[in-house]
Amino acid sequence: MSAPDGQETFISHLIEMRNRLLRAVLAVVVIFVLLFPWAQDLYALLAEPMLASLPQGGQMIATEVTTPFFVPVKVTMMTAFLIALPWIFYQIWAFVAPGLYQHEKRLGLPLIVSSVLLFLLGMAFAYFLVFPVVFGFIVGIAPEGVAVMTDIGKYLDFVLTLFLAFGITFEVPVAVVLLVKMRMVSVDKLREIRPYVVVGAFVIGAIFTPPDVISQIMLAVPMWLLYELGILIAAMITKPQAGTSSEFQPLSEDEMDAELDRIERQERETK
């Protein structure tokens, strides 16, 4: 006895999802294996902003036995995931695209591409601009006679937190456009709540960055500017076409009488 069509469709979707997931994981594993011989170099590149801020002869330490091995491995895995991110998003897109309408497909692909690019841009912003400021501040406020020697495991956790914070921050335009396109909020409403967004941006900056004003501003200001960019893009892509109106225009009294007369004439002619 064969399975119902609905059950067969569900099973086929599960099989396709498994295949897409396996392809994504396989890509990460292959890239990780290829990068593994350079694991120490990748960690050295990640640690460069901190090492550059330390005094002459300063160094980082490992307080656990296995940390010198596992930390470079984690950095390599993170790098492999970032390199494979476009392929991972493509697998997600290939799985969900058949169930989307044509206008959703036209919107979805640009949003996926822009999401990847903005996340990577946020990480680059953190690495090249924020890290030197943050680590310089940390080393600069150390009391006299205290040598700053950060554990490499704690350092990795710290930079990953900042990478995630700035990567998500740079996704603000995508989130704004999605909210507007899904009709969850209007562009006018986004403009109206602008003061609250600015305050929220500085609150988030205070939470996810060290307690210095400069690094907080370096997170809050880009978040605010990207919010404004999202409003601008949303206003452009939702702008009504020329000659059309987004609001319902009721018929006037004369137009209503003329329409009723036309309907009555049609009824008499059909009798």
Protein backbone atom coordinates (compact mmCIF):
# COMPACT_ATOMS: atom_id res chain seq x y z
CA MET A 1 0.00 0.00 0.00
CA SER A 2 1.54 3.31 -1.07
CA ALA A 3 1.80 6.32 1.20
CA PRO A 4 -0.60 9.25 0.72
CA ASP A 5 0.55 12.06 -1.56
CA GLY A 6 0.89 14.47 1.36
CA GLN A 7 3.12 12.07 3.27
CA GLU A 8 5.27 11.43 0.19
CA THR A 9 5.68 15.17 -0.31
CA PHE A 10 6.66 15.64 3.33
CA ILE A 11 9.22 12.82 3.13
CA SER A 12 10.66 14.22 -0.11
CA HIS A 13 11.06 17.62 1.57
CA LEU A 14 12.86 16.00 4.50
CA ILE A 15 15.20 14.16 2.14
CA GLU A 16 15.97 17.35 0.22
CA MET A 17 16.58 19.26 3.47
CA ARG A 18 18.96 16.52 4.62
CA ASN A 19 20.84 16.66 1.31
CA ARG A 20 21.13 20.44 1.44
CA LEU A 21 22.34 20.29 5.04
CA LEU A 22 24.92 17.64 4.21
CA ARG A 23 26.24 19.74 1.32
CA ALA A 24 26.60 22.76 3.59
CA VAL A 25 28.36 20.78 6.33
CA LEU A 26 30.61 19.06 3.79
CA ALA A 27 31.70 22.43 2.40
CA VAL A 28 32.66 23.65 5.88
CA VAL A 29 34.56 20.43 6.62
CA VAL A 30 36.47 20.50 3.32
CA ILE A 31 37.48 24.14 3.77
CA PHE A 32 38.47 23.42 7.39
CA VAL A 33 40.73 20.54 6.31
CA LEU A 34 42.35 22.72 3.66
CA LEU A 35 42.96 25.55 6.14
CA PHE A 36 44.09 23.40 9.06
CA PRO A 37 47.85 23.56 8.20
CA TRP A 38 47.62 27.34 8.64
CA ALA A 39 45.65 27.23 11.93
CA GLN A 40 48.45 28.88 13.91
CA ASP A 41 48.79 31.63 11.30
CA LEU A 42 45.05 32.29 11.37
CA TYR A 43 45.11 32.66 15.14
CA ALA A 44 48.16 34.96 14.91
CA LEU A 45 46.19 37.12 12.47
CA LEU A 46 43.23 37.24 14.85
CA ALA A 47 45.47 38.08 17.81
CA GLU A 48 47.39 40.81 15.96
CA PRO A 49 45.22 43.75 17.20
CA MET A 50 45.77 42.70 20.84
CA LEU A 51 49.48 41.98 20.44
CA ALA A 52 50.00 45.34 18.73
CA SER A 53 48.44 47.11 21.73
CA LEU A 54 50.61 45.36 24.35
CA PRO A 55 53.81 47.01 25.58
CA GLN A 56 57.18 45.94 24.18
CA GLY A 57 57.73 42.28 25.02
CA GLY A 58 54.08 41.72 25.96
CA GLN A 59 52.52 38.39 25.16
CA MET A 60 49.38 36.30 25.59
CA ILE A 61 49.12 33.22 27.81
CA ALA A 62 47.32 29.87 27.92
CA THR A 63 46.02 28.83 31.34
CA GLU A 64 44.74 25.40 30.31
CA VAL A 65 46.69 22.44 28.95
CA THR A 66 44.68 21.95 25.74
CA THR A 67 44.04 25.62 24.97
CA PRO A 68 47.07 26.11 22.66
CA PHE A 69 45.64 23.39 20.40
CA PHE A 70 41.89 23.97 20.56
CA VAL A 71 41.88 27.77 20.20
CA PRO A 72 43.60 27.80 16.76
CA VAL A 73 41.30 24.93 15.73
CA LYS A 74 38.24 27.00 16.71
CA VAL A 75 39.57 30.00 14.79
CA THR A 76 40.11 27.80 11.72
CA MET A 77 36.59 26.40 12.01
CA MET A 78 35.16 29.91 12.25
CA THR A 79 37.14 30.96 9.17
CA ALA A 80 35.94 27.91 7.24
CA PHE A 81 32.34 28.70 8.16
CA LEU A 82 32.70 32.31 6.98
CA ILE A 83 34.25 31.26 3.69
CA ALA A 84 31.48 28.70 3.14
CA LEU A 85 28.73 31.14 4.15
CA PRO A 86 27.68 32.04 0.57
CA TRP A 87 27.39 28.32 -0.28
CA ILE A 88 25.41 27.69 2.93
CA PHE A 89 22.98 30.48 2.12
CA TYR A 90 22.66 29.18 -1.42
CA GLN A 91 21.62 25.77 -0.08
CA ILE A 92 19.01 27.43 2.14
CA TRP A 93 17.77 29.49 -0.79
CA ALA A 94 17.61 26.47 -3.12
CA PHE A 95 15.48 24.65 -0.53
CA VAL A 96 12.93 27.41 0.12
CA ALA A 97 12.81 29.08 -3.33
CA PRO A 98 10.43 26.56 -4.99
CA GLY A 99 7.75 27.44 -2.44
CA LEU A 100 7.99 31.20 -2.95
CA TYR A 101 6.04 33.47 -5.26
CA GLN A 102 7.89 35.25 -8.05
CA HIS A 103 7.95 38.63 -6.27
CA GLU A 104 9.25 36.91 -3.12
CA LYS A 105 12.06 35.34 -5.13
CA ARG A 106 13.01 38.72 -6.57
CA LEU A 107 13.24 40.13 -3.06
CA GLY A 108 14.77 37.11 -1.33
CA LEU A 109 17.97 36.67 -3.33
CA PRO A 110 19.16 40.30 -2.96
CA LEU A 111 18.38 40.16 0.76
CA ILE A 112 20.45 36.98 1.21
CA VAL A 113 23.42 38.39 -0.70
CA SER A 114 23.27 41.71 1.14
CA SER A 115 22.96 39.90 4.50
CA VAL A 116 26.19 37.98 3.90
CA LEU A 117 28.07 41.04 2.69
CA LEU A 118 26.84 43.24 5.54
CA PHE A 119 27.74 40.65 8.18
CA LEU A 120 31.27 40.31 6.78
CA LEU A 121 31.52 44.09 6.56
CA GLY A 122 30.54 44.35 10.23
CA MET A 123 33.27 41.90 11.21
CA ALA A 124 35.84 43.80 9.14
CA PHE A 125 34.76 47.05 10.79
CA ALA A 126 35.26 45.48 14.21
CA TYR A 127 38.68 44.01 13.35
CA PHE A 128 40.27 47.01 11.65
CA LEU A 129 38.69 49.92 13.53
CA VAL A 130 37.18 48.80 16.82
CA PHE A 131 39.74 46.28 18.10
CA PRO A 132 42.71 48.70 18.11
CA VAL A 133 40.64 51.24 20.06
CA VAL A 134 39.25 48.69 22.55
CA PHE A 135 42.56 46.93 23.26
CA GLY A 136 44.43 50.21 23.43
CA PHE A 137 41.94 51.39 26.04
CA ILE A 138 42.23 48.16 28.06
CA VAL A 139 46.02 48.26 28.10
CA GLY A 140 46.06 51.99 28.78
CA ILE A 141 43.92 51.82 31.93
CA ALA A 142 45.92 48.98 33.51
CA PRO A 143 47.30 50.13 36.92
CA GLU A 144 50.99 50.75 37.18
CA GLY A 145 52.93 47.56 37.81
CA VAL A 146 50.20 45.32 36.31
CA ALA A 147 51.21 43.40 33.18
CA VAL A 148 48.35 42.74 30.80
CA MET A 149 48.64 39.11 29.63
CA THR A 150 45.32 37.90 28.28
CA ASP A 151 44.45 34.21 28.13
CA ILE A 152 44.03 33.15 24.50
CA GLY A 153 40.78 31.29 25.24
CA LYS A 154 39.22 34.33 26.93
CA TYR A 155 40.50 36.52 24.12
CA LEU A 156 38.79 34.31 21.52
CA ASP A 157 35.49 34.47 23.40
CA PHE A 158 35.78 38.27 23.62
CA VAL A 159 36.50 38.86 19.95
CA LEU A 160 33.78 36.44 18.87
CA THR A 161 31.29 38.41 20.96
CA LEU A 162 32.35 41.64 19.27
CA PHE A 163 32.31 40.03 15.84
CA LEU A 164 28.77 38.82 16.46
CA ALA A 165 27.65 42.19 17.85
CA PHE A 166 28.97 44.18 14.89
CA GLY A 167 27.89 41.56 12.35
CA ILE A 168 24.30 41.68 13.63
CA THR A 169 24.45 45.48 13.87
CA PHE A 170 25.28 45.74 10.18
CA GLU A 171 22.17 43.64 9.41
CA VAL A 172 19.90 46.51 10.51
CA PRO A 173 19.08 47.68 6.94
CA VAL A 174 17.99 44.15 5.99
CA ALA A 175 15.77 43.90 9.07
CA VAL A 176 14.19 47.30 8.35
CA VAL A 177 13.43 46.42 4.72
CA LEU A 178 11.93 43.07 5.71
CA LEU A 179 9.68 44.66 8.33
CA VAL A 180 8.39 47.16 5.78
CA LYS A 181 7.91 44.62 2.98
CA MET A 182 6.05 42.27 5.34
CA ARG A 183 3.78 45.22 6.26
CA MET A 184 4.61 44.84 9.95
CA VAL A 185 5.55 48.52 10.18
CA SER A 186 5.39 51.52 7.87
CA VAL A 187 8.21 53.81 6.81
CA ASP A 188 6.48 56.73 8.54
CA LYS A 189 6.36 54.74 11.78
CA LEU A 190 10.08 53.95 11.50
CA ARG A 191 10.80 57.64 11.14
CA GLU A 192 8.55 58.40 14.08
CA ILE A 193 10.40 56.03 16.46
CA ARG A 194 13.85 57.30 15.37
CA PRO A 195 14.66 58.89 18.78
CA TYR A 196 13.98 55.60 20.58
CA VAL A 197 16.19 53.74 18.11
CA VAL A 198 19.07 56.15 18.74
CA VAL A 199 18.77 55.67 22.50
CA GLY A 200 18.54 51.90 22.05
CA ALA A 201 21.65 51.91 19.86
CA PHE A 202 23.69 53.55 22.61
CA VAL A 203 22.28 51.14 25.20
CA ILE A 204 23.34 48.18 23.03
CA GLY A 205 26.73 49.80 22.55
CA ALA A 206 27.14 50.08 26.32
CA ILE A 207 26.24 46.39 26.78
CA PHE A 208 28.41 44.80 24.11
CA THR A 209 31.53 46.97 24.25
CA PRO A 210 34.03 47.77 27.03
CA PRO A 211 33.16 50.69 29.31
CA ASP A 212 34.80 53.42 27.23
CA VAL A 213 32.87 56.06 25.35
CA ILE A 214 34.75 55.69 22.06
CA SER A 215 34.00 52.00 21.49
CA GLN A 216 30.36 52.50 22.52
CA ILE A 217 30.03 55.28 19.95
CA MET A 218 31.72 53.09 17.32
CA LEU A 219 28.90 50.57 17.71
CA ALA A 220 25.98 52.93 18.30
CA VAL A 221 26.62 55.41 15.48
CA PRO A 222 26.91 52.79 12.70
CA MET A 223 23.72 51.16 14.01
CA TRP A 224 21.89 54.46 13.80
CA LEU A 225 23.25 55.28 10.33
CA LEU A 226 22.39 51.81 9.05
CA TYR A 227 18.88 52.24 10.44
CA GLU A 228 18.56 55.44 8.42
CA LEU A 229 19.90 53.59 5.36
CA GLY A 230 17.29 50.88 5.86
CA ILE A 231 14.52 53.51 6.00
CA LEU A 232 15.82 55.10 2.79
CA ILE A 233 15.95 51.78 0.93
CA ALA A 234 12.53 50.72 2.24
CA ALA A 235 11.01 54.02 1.13
CA MET A 236 12.50 53.58 -2.36
CA ILE A 237 11.32 50.02 -2.94
CA THR A 238 7.83 50.60 -1.49
CA LYS A 239 7.24 53.90 -3.28
CA PRO A 240 3.96 53.70 -5.23
CA GLN A 241 4.27 53.90 -8.99
CA ALA A 242 3.34 57.06 -10.83
CA GLY A 243 -0.34 57.33 -11.63
CA THR A 244 -1.38 54.97 -8.85
CA SER A 245 -2.60 55.61 -5.35
CA SER A 246 -2.03 53.41 -2.33
CA GLU A 247 -5.26 54.58 -0.67
CA PHE A 248 -8.86 53.56 -1.53
CA GLN A 249 -10.75 56.28 -3.38
CA PRO A 250 -14.55 55.99 -2.91
CA LEU A 251 -16.92 56.89 -5.76
CA SER A 252 -18.58 60.28 -5.68
CA GLU A 253 -22.38 60.60 -5.51
CA ASP A 254 -22.69 61.35 -9.23
CA GLU A 255 -20.43 58.42 -10.12
CA MET A 256 -22.49 56.13 -7.87
CA ASP A 257 -25.77 57.23 -9.55
CA ALA A 258 -24.28 56.67 -12.99
CA GLU A 259 -23.09 53.21 -12.00
CA LEU A 260 -26.54 52.29 -10.65
CA ASP A 261 -28.20 53.52 -13.86
CA ARG A 262 -25.81 51.41 -15.92
CA ILE A 263 -26.62 48.30 -13.88
CA GLU A 264 -30.40 48.91 -14.25
CA ARG A 265 -30.08 49.31 -18.03
CA GLN A 266 -28.15 46.06 -18.27
CA GLU A 267 -30.85 44.26 -16.25
CA ARG A 268 -33.65 45.58 -18.49
CA GLU A 269 -31.80 44.58 -21.65
CA THR A 270 -31.30 41.04 -20.42
CA LYS A 271 -35.03 40.57 -19.65
